[in-house]
PDB file of N, CA and C in Angstrom:
ATOM      1  N   MET A   1      -2.182  85.711  -9.425  1.00  0.00           N
ATOM      2  CA  MET A   1      -1.264  84.708  -8.761  1.00  0.00           C
ATOM      3  C   MET A   1      -0.319  84.416  -9.941  1.00  0.00           C
ATOM      4  N   LYS A   2      -0.608  84.535 -10.997  1.00  0.00           N
ATOM      5  CA  LYS A   2       0.374  84.078 -11.777  1.00  0.00           C
ATOM      6  C   LYS A   2       1.658  85.058 -11.792  1.00  0.00           C
ATOM      7  N   ARG A   3       1.471  86.312 -11.501  1.00  0.00           N
ATOM      8  CA  ARG A   3       2.579  87.313 -11.333  1.00  0.00           C
ATOM      9  C   ARG A   3       3.320  86.968 -10.179  1.00  0.00           C
ATOM     10  N   LEU A   4       2.726  86.111  -8.954  1.00  0.00           N
ATOM     11  CA  LEU A   4       3.393  85.948  -7.649  1.00  0.00           C
ATOM     12  C   LEU A   4       4.464  84.942  -8.186  1.00  0.00           C
ATOM     13  N   CYS A   5       3.729  83.494  -9.014  1.00  0.00           N
ATOM     14  CA  CYS A   5       4.451  82.476  -9.451  1.00  0.00           C
ATOM     15  C   CYS A   5       5.767  82.743 -10.192  1.00  0.00           C
ATOM     16  N   MET A   6       5.417  83.618 -11.415  1.00  0.00           N
ATOM     17  CA  MET A   6       6.647  84.127 -12.192  1.00  0.00           C
ATOM     18  C   MET A   6       7.535  84.876 -11.382  1.00  0.00           C
ATOM     19  N   ILE A   7       7.464  85.800 -10.794  1.00  0.00           N
ATOM     20  CA  ILE A   7       8.383  86.292  -9.490  1.00  0.00           C
ATOM     21  C   ILE A   7       8.973  84.921  -8.516  1.00  0.00           C
ATOM     22  N   ALA A   8       8.432  84.470  -8.281  1.00  0.00           N
ATOM     23  CA  ALA A   8       9.141  83.269  -7.366  1.00  0.00           C
ATOM     24  C   ALA A   8      10.141  82.193  -8.241  1.00  0.00           C
ATOM     25  N   ALA A   9       9.840  82.150  -9.496  1.00  0.00           N
ATOM     26  CA  ALA A   9      10.236  81.276 -10.846  1.00  0.00           C
ATOM     27  C   ALA A   9      11.542  81.943 -10.824  1.00  0.00           C
ATOM     28  N   VAL A  10      11.586  83.422 -11.005  1.00  0.00           N
ATOM     29  CA  VAL A  10      12.406  84.268 -11.445  1.00  0.00           C
ATOM     30  C   VAL A  10      13.845  84.269 -10.370  1.00  0.00           C
ATOM     31  N   LEU A  11      13.239  84.559  -9.004  1.00  0.00           N
ATOM     32  CA  LEU A  11      14.221  84.807  -7.778  1.00  0.00           C
ATOM     33  C   LEU A  11      14.746  83.481  -7.756  1.00  0.00           C
ATOM     34  N   ALA A  12      13.727  82.357  -7.900  1.00  0.00           N
ATOM     35  CA  ALA A  12      14.614  80.960  -7.440  1.00  0.00           C
ATOM     36  C   ALA A  12      15.907  80.546  -8.825  1.00  0.00           C
ATOM     37  N   VAL A  13      15.619  81.114  -9.837  1.00  0.00           N
ATOM     38  CA  VAL A  13      16.651  80.899 -11.145  1.00  0.00           C
ATOM     39  C   VAL A  13      17.637  81.569 -10.669  1.00  0.00           C
ATOM     40  N   ALA A  14      17.688  82.883 -10.213  1.00  0.00           N
ATOM     41  CA  ALA A  14      18.504  84.145  -9.935  1.00  0.00           C
ATOM     42  C   ALA A  14      19.439  83.273  -8.839  1.00  0.00           C
ATOM     43  N   ALA A  15      18.697  82.750  -7.940  1.00  0.00           N
ATOM     44  CA  ALA A  15      19.693  82.533  -6.363  1.00  0.00           C
ATOM     45  C   ALA A  15      20.311  80.918  -6.803  1.00  0.00           C
ATOM     46  N   THR A  16      20.327  80.574  -7.937  1.00  0.00           N
ATOM     47  CA  THR A  16      20.887  78.985  -8.160  1.00  0.00           C
ATOM     48  C   THR A  16      21.758  79.291  -9.437  1.00  0.00           C
ATOM     49  N   SER A  17      21.818  80.760  -9.985  1.00  0.00           N
ATOM     50  CA  SER A  17      22.626  80.909 -11.095  1.00  0.00           C
ATOM     51  C   SER A  17      23.904  81.406 -10.575  1.00  0.00           C
ATOM     52  N   PHE A  18      24.213  82.047  -9.567  1.00  0.00           N
ATOM     53  CA  PHE A  18      25.278  82.690  -9.063  1.00  0.00           C
ATOM     54  C   PHE A  18      26.170  81.864  -8.253  1.00  0.00           C
ATOM     55  N   PRO A  19      27.477  81.211  -8.374  1.00  0.00           N
ATOM     56  CA  PRO A  19      28.152  80.512  -7.380  1.00  0.00           C
ATOM     57  C   PRO A  19      28.131  81.117  -6.034  1.00  0.00           C
ATOM     58  N   ALA A  20      28.079  80.140  -4.874  1.00  0.00           N
ATOM     59  CA  ALA A  20      28.035  80.762  -3.257  1.00  0.00           C
ATOM     60  C   ALA A  20      29.423  81.201  -3.289  1.00  0.00           C
ATOM     61  N   VAL A  21      29.608  82.082  -2.516  1.00  0.00           N
ATOM     62  CA  VAL A  21      30.692  83.067  -1.987  1.00  0.00           C
ATOM     63  C   VAL A  21      31.031  82.505  -0.907  1.00  0.00           C
ATOM     64  N   ALA A  22      31.833  81.720  -0.366  1.00  0.00           N
ATOM     65  CA  ALA A  22      32.258  81.336   0.688  1.00  0.00           C
ATOM     66  C   ALA A  22      32.997  82.693   1.721  1.00  0.00           C
ATOM     67  N   GLU A  23      32.373  82.481   3.016  1.00  0.00           N
ATOM     68  CA  GLU A  23      32.661  83.809   3.933  1.00  0.00           C
ATOM     69  C   GLU A  23      33.864  83.386   4.175  1.00  0.00           C
ATOM     70  N   VAL A  24      34.586  84.821   4.401  1.00  0.00           N
ATOM     71  CA  VAL A  24      36.028  84.437   4.633  1.00  0.00           C
ATOM     72  C   VAL A  24      36.106  84.560   6.237  1.00  0.00           C
ATOM     73  N   ASP A  25      37.035  83.810   6.959  1.00  0.00           N
ATOM     74  CA  ASP A  25      37.097  83.307   8.516  1.00  0.00           C
ATOM     75  C   ASP A  25      38.338  84.243   8.990  1.00  0.00           C
ATOM     76  N   ALA A  26      37.982  85.680   9.252  1.00  0.00           N
ATOM     77  CA  ALA A  26      39.154  86.648   9.216  1.00  0.00           C
ATOM     78  C   ALA A  26      39.748  86.227  10.360  1.00  0.00           C
ATOM     79  N   SER A  27      39.311  85.770  11.184  1.00  0.00           N
ATOM     80  CA  SER A  27      39.978  85.311  12.725  1.00  0.00           C
ATOM     81  C   SER A  27      40.856  84.036  12.152  1.00  0.00           C
ATOM     82  N   ALA A  28      40.467  83.263  11.642  1.00  0.00           N
ATOM     83  CA  ALA A  28      41.275  82.105  11.209  1.00  0.00           C
ATOM     84  C   ALA A  28      42.607  82.520  10.236  1.00  0.00           C
ATOM     85  N   ALA A  29      42.173  83.583   9.392  1.00  0.00           N
ATOM     86  CA  ALA A  29      43.271  83.822   8.606  1.00  0.00           C
ATOM     87  C   ALA A  29      44.388  84.681   9.296  1.00  0.00           C
ATOM     88  N   ASN A  30      43.831  85.516  10.383  1.00  0.00           N
ATOM     89  CA  ASN A  30      44.843  86.158  11.340  1.00  0.00           C
ATOM     90  C   ASN A  30      45.332  85.350  11.953  1.00  0.00           C
ATOM     91  N   ALA A  31      44.975  84.382  12.370  1.00  0.00           N
ATOM     92  CA  ALA A  31      45.658  83.829  13.361  1.00  0.00           C
ATOM     93  C   ALA A  31      46.776  82.725  12.538  1.00  0.00           C
ATOM     94  N   LEU A  32      46.610  82.122  11.317  1.00  0.00           N
ATOM     95  CA  LEU A  32      47.272  81.596  10.804  1.00  0.00           C
ATOM     96  C   LEU A  32      48.616  82.498  10.454  1.00  0.00           C
ATOM     97  N   VAL A  33      48.257  83.856   9.717  1.00  0.00           N
ATOM     98  CA  VAL A  33      49.490  84.708   9.104  1.00  0.00           C
ATOM     99  C   VAL A  33      50.584  85.111  10.511  1.00  0.00           C
ATOM    100  N   ARG A  34      49.854  85.382  11.669  1.00  0.00           N
ATOM    101  CA  ARG A  34      50.409  85.483  12.939  1.00  0.00           C
ATOM    102  C   ARG A  34      51.513  84.044  13.250  1.00  0.00           C
ATOM    103  N   LYS A  35      50.935  83.003  13.024  1.00  0.00           N
ATOM    104  CA  LYS A  35      51.623  81.546  13.452  1.00  0.00           C
ATOM    105  C   LYS A  35      52.655  81.309  12.223  1.00  0.00           C
ATOM    106  N   SER A  36      52.512  81.965  10.865  1.00  0.00           N
ATOM    107  CA  SER A  36      53.425  81.679  10.195  1.00  0.00           C
ATOM    108  C   SER A  36      54.477  82.807  10.114  1.00  0.00           C
ATOM    109  N   LYS A  37      54.347  83.694  11.121  1.00  0.00           N
ATOM    110  CA  LYS A  37      55.119  85.001  11.074  1.00  0.00           C
ATOM    111  C   LYS A  37      55.296  85.941  10.096  1.00  0.00           C
ATOM    112  N   CYS A  38      54.086  86.128   9.080  1.00  0.00           N
ATOM    113  CA  CYS A  38      54.040  86.833   7.875  1.00  0.00           C
ATOM    114  C   CYS A  38      53.991  88.467   8.670  1.00  0.00           C
ATOM    115  N   LEU A  39      53.661  88.529   9.757  1.00  0.00           N
ATOM    116  CA  LEU A  39      53.468  89.983  10.468  1.00  0.00           C
ATOM    117  C   LEU A  39      55.034  90.639  10.785  1.00  0.00           C
ATOM    118  N   THR A  40      55.875  89.506  10.623  1.00  0.00           N
ATOM    119  CA  THR A  40      57.565  90.075  10.625  1.00  0.00           C
ATOM    120  C   THR A  40      57.875  91.311   9.321  1.00  0.00           C
ATOM    121  N   CYS A  41      57.091  90.758   8.371  1.00  0.00           N
ATOM    122  CA  CYS A  41      57.510  91.654   7.347  1.00  0.00           C
ATOM    123  C   CYS A  41      56.408  92.237   6.539  1.00  0.00           C
ATOM    124  N   HIS A  42      55.036  92.014   6.764  1.00  0.00           N
ATOM    125  CA  HIS A  42      54.071  92.595   6.434  1.00  0.00           C
ATOM    126  C   HIS A  42      53.292  93.126   7.462  1.00  0.00           C
ATOM    127  N   ALA A  43      52.291  94.152   7.218  1.00  0.00           N
ATOM    128  CA  ALA A  43      51.131  94.543   8.161  1.00  0.00           C
ATOM    129  C   ALA A  43      50.219  94.641   7.396  1.00  0.00           C
ATOM    130  N   ILE A  44      48.998  94.883   8.231  1.00  0.00           N
ATOM    131  CA  ILE A  44      47.595  94.901   7.468  1.00  0.00           C
ATOM    132  C   ILE A  44      47.550  96.591   6.531  1.00  0.00           C
ATOM    133  N   ASP A  45      48.091  97.335   7.238  1.00  0.00           N
ATOM    134  CA  ASP A  45      47.722  98.845   6.548  1.00  0.00           C
ATOM    135  C   ASP A  45      48.841  99.675   6.457  1.00  0.00           C
ATOM    136  N   LYS A  46      50.173  98.989   6.763  1.00  0.00           N
ATOM    137  CA  LYS A  46      51.295 100.010   6.303  1.00  0.00           C
ATOM    138  C   LYS A  46      52.325  99.246   5.958  1.00  0.00           C
ATOM    139  N   LYS A  47      53.247  99.719   5.319  1.00  0.00           N
ATOM    140  CA  LYS A  47      54.315  99.124   4.674  1.00  0.00           C
ATOM    141  C   LYS A  47      55.376  98.844   5.569  1.00  0.00           C
ATOM    142  N   LYS A  48      55.898  97.293   5.634  1.00  0.00           N
ATOM    143  CA  LYS A  48      57.080  97.232   6.103  1.00  0.00           C
ATOM    144  C   LYS A  48      58.346  96.966   5.144  1.00  0.00           C
ATOM    145  N   ASP A  49      58.839  95.612   5.830  1.00  0.00           N
ATOM    146  CA  ASP A  49      59.862  95.132   4.663  1.00  0.00           C
ATOM    147  C   ASP A  49      58.975  94.495   3.200  1.00  0.00           C
ATOM    148  N   GLY A  50      57.938  94.313   3.364  1.00  0.00           N
ATOM    149  CA  GLY A  50      56.978  94.041   2.219  1.00  0.00           C
ATOM    150  C   GLY A  50      55.855  94.571   2.430  1.00  0.00           C
ATOM    151  N   PRO A  51      55.069  94.673   1.530  1.00  0.00           N
ATOM    152  CA  PRO A  51      53.838  95.483   1.389  1.00  0.00           C
ATOM    153  C   PRO A  51      52.827  95.482   2.222  1.00  0.00           C
ATOM    154  N   SER A  52      52.154  96.144   2.514  1.00  0.00           N
ATOM    155  CA  SER A  52      50.776  95.842   3.585  1.00  0.00           C
ATOM    156  C   SER A  52      49.801  95.074   2.729  1.00  0.00           C
ATOM    157  N   TYR A  53      49.115  94.247   3.622  1.00  0.00           N
ATOM    158  CA  TYR A  53      48.043  93.640   2.859  1.00  0.00           C
ATOM    159  C   TYR A  53      46.932  94.449   2.143  1.00  0.00           C
ATOM    160  N   LYS A  54      46.598  95.727   2.582  1.00  0.00           N
ATOM    161  CA  LYS A  54      46.004  96.311   2.024  1.00  0.00           C
ATOM    162  C   LYS A  54      46.317  97.109   0.734  1.00  0.00           C
ATOM    163  N   GLU A  55      47.762  97.222   0.387  1.00  0.00           N
ATOM    164  CA  GLU A  55      48.292  97.318  -0.801  1.00  0.00           C
ATOM    165  C   GLU A  55      48.353  96.019  -2.055  1.00  0.00           C
ATOM    166  N   VAL A  56      48.413  95.061  -1.090  1.00  0.00           N
ATOM    167  CA  VAL A  56      48.428  93.705  -2.120  1.00  0.00           C
ATOM    168  C   VAL A  56      47.064  93.545  -2.858  1.00  0.00           C
ATOM    169  N   ALA A  57      46.131  93.821  -1.601  1.00  0.00           N
ATOM    170  CA  ALA A  57      44.583  93.947  -2.174  1.00  0.00           C
ATOM    171  C   ALA A  57      44.214  94.899  -3.423  1.00  0.00           C
ATOM    172  N   ALA A  58      45.210  96.069  -3.148  1.00  0.00           N
ATOM    173  CA  ALA A  58      44.756  97.191  -4.132  1.00  0.00           C
ATOM    174  C   ALA A  58      45.641  96.573  -5.370  1.00  0.00           C
ATOM    175  N   LYS A  59      46.652  96.037  -5.492  1.00  0.00           N
ATOM    176  CA  LYS A  59      47.306  95.690  -6.549  1.00  0.00           C
ATOM    177  C   LYS A  59      46.557  94.604  -7.696  1.00  0.00           C
ATOM    178  N   HIS A  60      45.975  93.894  -6.885  1.00  0.00           N
ATOM    179  CA  HIS A  60      45.316  92.618  -7.424  1.00  0.00           C
ATOM    180  C   HIS A  60      43.719  92.626  -7.487  1.00  0.00           C
ATOM    181  N   LYS A  61      42.934  93.972  -7.148  1.00  0.00           N
ATOM    182  CA  LYS A  61      41.841  94.102  -7.414  1.00  0.00           C
ATOM    183  C   LYS A  61      41.345  93.995  -8.844  1.00  0.00           C
ATOM    184  N   ASP A  62      40.412  93.364  -9.044  1.00  0.00           N
ATOM    185  CA  ASP A  62      39.644  93.249 -10.245  1.00  0.00           C
ATOM    186  C   ASP A  62      40.235  92.524 -11.331  1.00  0.00           C
ATOM    187  N   LYS A  63      41.332  91.779 -10.636  1.00  0.00           N
ATOM    188  CA  LYS A  63      42.293  90.731 -11.671  1.00  0.00           C
ATOM    189  C   LYS A  63      41.834  89.256 -11.510  1.00  0.00           C
ATOM    190  N   ALA A  64      41.594  88.804 -12.745  1.00  0.00           N
ATOM    191  CA  ALA A  64      40.789  87.326 -12.692  1.00  0.00           C
ATOM    192  C   ALA A  64      41.763  86.191 -11.929  1.00  0.00           C
ATOM    193  N   ASP A  65      43.306  86.566 -12.065  1.00  0.00           N
ATOM    194  CA  ASP A  65      44.075  85.572 -11.462  1.00  0.00           C
ATOM    195  C   ASP A  65      44.687  85.760  -9.939  1.00  0.00           C
ATOM    196  N   ALA A  66      44.213  86.621  -9.648  1.00  0.00           N
ATOM    197  CA  ALA A  66      44.537  87.590  -8.305  1.00  0.00           C
ATOM    198  C   ALA A  66      44.632  86.136  -7.449  1.00  0.00           C
ATOM    199  N   GLU A  67      43.572  85.476  -7.145  1.00  0.00           N
ATOM    200  CA  GLU A  67      43.641  84.263  -5.946  1.00  0.00           C
ATOM    201  C   GLU A  67      44.635  83.236  -6.465  1.00  0.00           C
ATOM    202  N   GLU A  68      44.888  83.091  -7.664  1.00  0.00           N
ATOM    203  CA  GLU A  68      45.874  82.003  -8.091  1.00  0.00           C
ATOM    204  C   GLU A  68      47.245  82.516  -7.926  1.00  0.00           C
ATOM    205  N   LYS A  69      47.572  83.472  -8.306  1.00  0.00           N
ATOM    206  CA  LYS A  69      48.980  84.260  -7.703  1.00  0.00           C
ATOM    207  C   LYS A  69      49.254  84.334  -6.523  1.00  0.00           C
ATOM    208  N   LEU A  70      48.212  84.716  -5.553  1.00  0.00           N
ATOM    209  CA  LEU A  70      48.646  84.841  -4.167  1.00  0.00           C
ATOM    210  C   LEU A  70      48.688  83.657  -3.494  1.00  0.00           C
ATOM    211  N   MET A  71      47.792  82.657  -3.914  1.00  0.00           N
ATOM    212  CA  MET A  71      47.873  80.942  -3.727  1.00  0.00           C
ATOM    213  C   MET A  71      49.370  80.652  -3.747  1.00  0.00           C
ATOM    214  N   LYS A  72      49.801  80.772  -4.939  1.00  0.00           N
ATOM    215  CA  LYS A  72      51.315  80.276  -5.289  1.00  0.00           C
ATOM    216  C   LYS A  72      51.989  81.013  -4.585  1.00  0.00           C
ATOM    217  N   HIS A  73      52.010  82.367  -4.278  1.00  0.00           N
ATOM    218  CA  HIS A  73      53.066  83.084  -3.538  1.00  0.00           C
ATOM    219  C   HIS A  73      52.942  82.654  -2.181  1.00  0.00           C
ATOM    220  N   VAL A  74      51.893  82.246  -1.645  1.00  0.00           N
ATOM    221  CA  VAL A  74      51.946  82.073   0.006  1.00  0.00           C
ATOM    222  C   VAL A  74      51.969  80.364   0.025  1.00  0.00           C
ATOM    223  N   THR A  75      52.091  79.685  -0.556  1.00  0.00           N
ATOM    224  CA  THR A  75      52.104  78.094  -0.615  1.00  0.00           C
ATOM    225  C   THR A  75      53.586  77.654  -1.189  1.00  0.00           C
ATOM    226  N   VAL A  76      54.062  78.286  -1.906  1.00  0.00           N
ATOM    227  CA  VAL A  76      55.439  77.707  -2.741  1.00  0.00           C
ATOM    228  C   VAL A  76      56.512  78.483  -2.355  1.00  0.00           C
ATOM    229  N   PRO A  77      57.525  78.063  -1.849  1.00  0.00           N
ATOM    230  CA  PRO A  77      58.762  78.819  -1.646  1.00  0.00           C
ATOM    231  C   PRO A  77      59.291  79.671  -2.871  1.00  0.00           C
ATOM    232  N   SER A  78      59.734  80.845  -2.314  1.00  0.00           N
ATOM    233  CA  SER A  78      60.078  81.651  -3.386  1.00  0.00           C
ATOM    234  C   SER A  78      61.166  83.034  -2.752  1.00  0.00           C
ATOM    235  N   LYS A  79      61.953  83.632  -3.964  1.00  0.00           N
ATOM    236  CA  LYS A  79      62.791  84.468  -3.469  1.00  0.00           C
ATOM    237  C   LYS A  79      62.138  86.031  -3.459  1.00  0.00           C
ATOM    238  N   VAL A  80      62.203  86.918  -2.882  1.00  0.00           N
ATOM    239  CA  VAL A  80      61.931  88.127  -2.880  1.00  0.00           C
ATOM    240  C   VAL A  80      62.925  89.211  -2.848  1.00  0.00           C
ATOM    241  N   LYS A  81      62.720  90.342  -3.231  1.00  0.00           N
ATOM    242  CA  LYS A  81      64.019  91.496  -3.103  1.00  0.00           C
ATOM    243  C   LYS A  81      63.284  92.164  -1.880  1.00  0.00           C
ATOM    244  N   VAL A  82      64.415  92.378  -0.981  1.00  0.00           N
ATOM    245  CA  VAL A  82      63.882  93.257   0.281  1.00  0.00           C
ATOM    246  C   VAL A  82      65.156  94.144   0.254  1.00  0.00           C
ATOM    247  N   ASP A  83      64.793  95.355   0.012  1.00  0.00           N
ATOM    248  CA  ASP A  83      66.326  96.638   0.033  1.00  0.00           C
ATOM    249  C   ASP A  83      67.217  96.007  -0.596  1.00  0.00           C
ATOM    250  N   GLY A  84      67.178  95.527  -2.042  1.00  0.00           N
ATOM    251  CA  GLY A  84      68.008  95.304  -2.718  1.00  0.00           C
ATOM    252  C   GLY A  84      68.790  93.844  -2.767  1.00  0.00           C
ATOM    253  N   LYS A  85      68.278  93.164  -1.694  1.00  0.00           N
ATOM    254  CA  LYS A  85      68.806  91.794  -1.480  1.00  0.00           C
ATOM    255  C   LYS A  85      67.826  90.881  -1.574  1.00  0.00           C
ATOM    256  N   GLU A  86      68.025  89.707  -2.153  1.00  0.00           N
ATOM    257  CA  GLU A  86      67.232  88.671  -2.317  1.00  0.00           C
ATOM    258  C   GLU A  86      67.096  87.661  -1.102  1.00  0.00           C
ATOM    259  N   GLU A  87      65.739  87.555  -0.878  1.00  0.00           N
ATOM    260  CA  GLU A  87      65.839  86.783   0.563  1.00  0.00           C
ATOM    261  C   GLU A  87      64.802  85.738   0.340  1.00  0.00           C
ATOM    262  N   ASP A  88      64.570  84.673   1.107  1.00  0.00           N
ATOM    263  CA  ASP A  88      63.594  83.700   0.862  1.00  0.00           C
ATOM    264  C   ASP A  88      62.365  84.199   1.685  1.00  0.00           C
ATOM    265  N   HIS A  89      61.147  84.072   0.687  1.00  0.00           N
ATOM    266  CA  HIS A  89      59.899  84.236   1.158  1.00  0.00           C
ATOM    267  C   HIS A  89      59.201  83.009   1.849  1.00  0.00           C
ATOM    268  N   GLU A  90      59.179  82.913   3.053  1.00  0.00           N
ATOM    269  CA  GLU A  90      58.332  81.627   3.670  1.00  0.00           C
ATOM    270  C   GLU A  90      56.696  81.387   3.167  1.00  0.00           C
ATOM    271  N   THR A  91      56.312  80.265   3.473  1.00  0.00           N
ATOM    272  CA  THR A  91      55.055  79.752   2.954  1.00  0.00           C
ATOM    273  C   THR A  91      54.481  79.913   4.283  1.00  0.00           C
ATOM    274  N   LEU A  92      53.114  79.806   4.295  1.00  0.00           N
ATOM    275  CA  LEU A  92      52.081  79.501   5.163  1.00  0.00           C
ATOM    276  C   LEU A  92      52.449  78.275   6.144  1.00  0.00           C
ATOM    277  N   LYS A  93      52.148  78.253   7.199  1.00  0.00           N
ATOM    278  CA  LYS A  93      52.481  76.953   7.953  1.00  0.00           C
ATOM    279  C   LYS A  93      51.302  76.340   8.159  1.00  0.00           C
ATOM    280  N   THR A  94      50.949  75.726   6.747  1.00  0.00           N
ATOM    281  CA  THR A  94      49.921  74.686   6.874  1.00  0.00           C
ATOM    282  C   THR A  94      49.504  73.912   5.702  1.00  0.00           C
ATOM    283  N   ASP A  95      49.182  72.823   6.028  1.00  0.00           N
ATOM    284  CA  ASP A  95      49.193  71.825   4.724  1.00  0.00           C
ATOM    285  C   ASP A  95      47.622  71.615   4.264  1.00  0.00           C
ATOM    286  N   ASP A  96      46.690  72.738   4.641  1.00  0.00           N
ATOM    287  CA  ASP A  96      45.742  72.832   4.546  1.00  0.00           C
ATOM    288  C   ASP A  96      45.150  73.863   3.318  1.00  0.00           C
ATOM    289  N   PRO A  97      44.929  73.243   2.322  1.00  0.00           N
ATOM    290  CA  PRO A  97      44.567  74.025   1.181  1.00  0.00           C
ATOM    291  C   PRO A  97      43.230  75.270   1.328  1.00  0.00           C
ATOM    292  N   ALA A  98      42.660  74.750   1.948  1.00  0.00           N
ATOM    293  CA  ALA A  98      41.234  75.421   2.477  1.00  0.00           C
ATOM    294  C   ALA A  98      41.787  76.920   3.341  1.00  0.00           C
ATOM    295  N   ALA A  99      42.801  76.373   4.522  1.00  0.00           N
ATOM    296  CA  ALA A  99      43.377  77.231   5.208  1.00  0.00           C
ATOM    297  C   ALA A  99      44.194  78.569   4.474  1.00  0.00           C
ATOM    298  N   ALA A 100      44.782  77.897   3.623  1.00  0.00           N
ATOM    299  CA  ALA A 100      45.441  78.935   2.754  1.00  0.00           C
ATOM    300  C   ALA A 100      44.787  79.766   1.798  1.00  0.00           C
ATOM    301  N   LYS A 101      43.630  79.312   1.351  1.00  0.00           N
ATOM    302  CA  LYS A 101      42.672  79.967   0.618  1.00  0.00           C
ATOM    303  C   LYS A 101      42.181  80.970   1.248  1.00  0.00           C
ATOM    304  N   ASN A 102      41.634  80.601   2.608  1.00  0.00           N
ATOM    305  CA  ASN A 102      41.099  81.645   3.279  1.00  0.00           C
ATOM    306  C   ASN A 102      42.054  82.867   3.754  1.00  0.00           C
ATOM    307  N   VAL A 103      43.415  82.353   3.738  1.00  0.00           N
ATOM    308  CA  VAL A 103      44.252  83.496   4.200  1.00  0.00           C
ATOM    309  C   VAL A 103      44.098  84.577   2.882  1.00  0.00           C
ATOM    310  N   VAL A 104      44.277  84.109   1.770  1.00  0.00           N
ATOM    311  CA  VAL A 104      44.346  84.759   0.380  1.00  0.00           C
ATOM    312  C   VAL A 104      42.873  85.651   0.019  1.00  0.00           C
ATOM    313  N   GLN A 105      42.053  85.058   0.399  1.00  0.00           N
ATOM    314  CA  GLN A 105      40.622  85.634   0.082  1.00  0.00           C
ATOM    315  C   GLN A 105      40.628  86.542   1.009  1.00  0.00           C
ATOM    316  N   TRP A 106      41.074  86.638   2.395  1.00  0.00           N
ATOM    317  CA  TRP A 106      41.059  87.400   3.518  1.00  0.00           C
ATOM    318  C   TRP A 106      41.831  88.697   3.202  1.00  0.00           C
ATOM    319  N   ILE A 107      43.195  88.401   2.611  1.00  0.00           N
ATOM    320  CA  ILE A 107      44.016  89.557   2.043  1.00  0.00           C
ATOM    321  C   ILE A 107      43.415  90.380   1.012  1.00  0.00           C
ATOM    322  N   LEU A 108      42.665  89.844  -0.017  1.00  0.00           N
ATOM    323  CA  LEU A 108      42.260  90.395  -1.171  1.00  0.00           C
ATOM    324  C   LEU A 108      40.728  90.970  -0.492  1.00  0.00           C
ATOM    325  N   SER A 109      40.352  90.726   0.305  1.00  0.00           N
ATOM    326  CA  SER A 109      38.839  91.451   0.943  1.00  0.00           C
ATOM    327  C   SER A 109      39.587  92.833   1.641  1.00  0.00           C
ATOM    328  N   LEU A 110      40.740  92.667   1.926  1.00  0.00           N
ATOM    329  CA  LEU A 110      40.901  93.907   2.725  1.00  0.00           C
ATOM    330  C   LEU A 110      40.765  95.430   1.805  1.00  0.00           C
TER     331      LEU A 110
END
């Protein structure tokens, strides 16, 4: 009985020691990416004018600041080079930070 109580206590501590990971809502992310016309220049798995989302995920894999960098990239207007020309990089068409974060987490999950 003592052993069972000890195992239960260890599992309870372990369960509360790790932060909860929010699940990515892939369909919502995909809908916002489409609404924002991101797929004009990007694709999930092939290069277009911009890198594929899988390339982006691979580039940022295991980097602590990946989410922060991508959040800035998709929410703050910036310039990007396309075929040697500088163009505006549009932002996601949402004012909801949670929706933008969902898109970033979706990209990083690919």
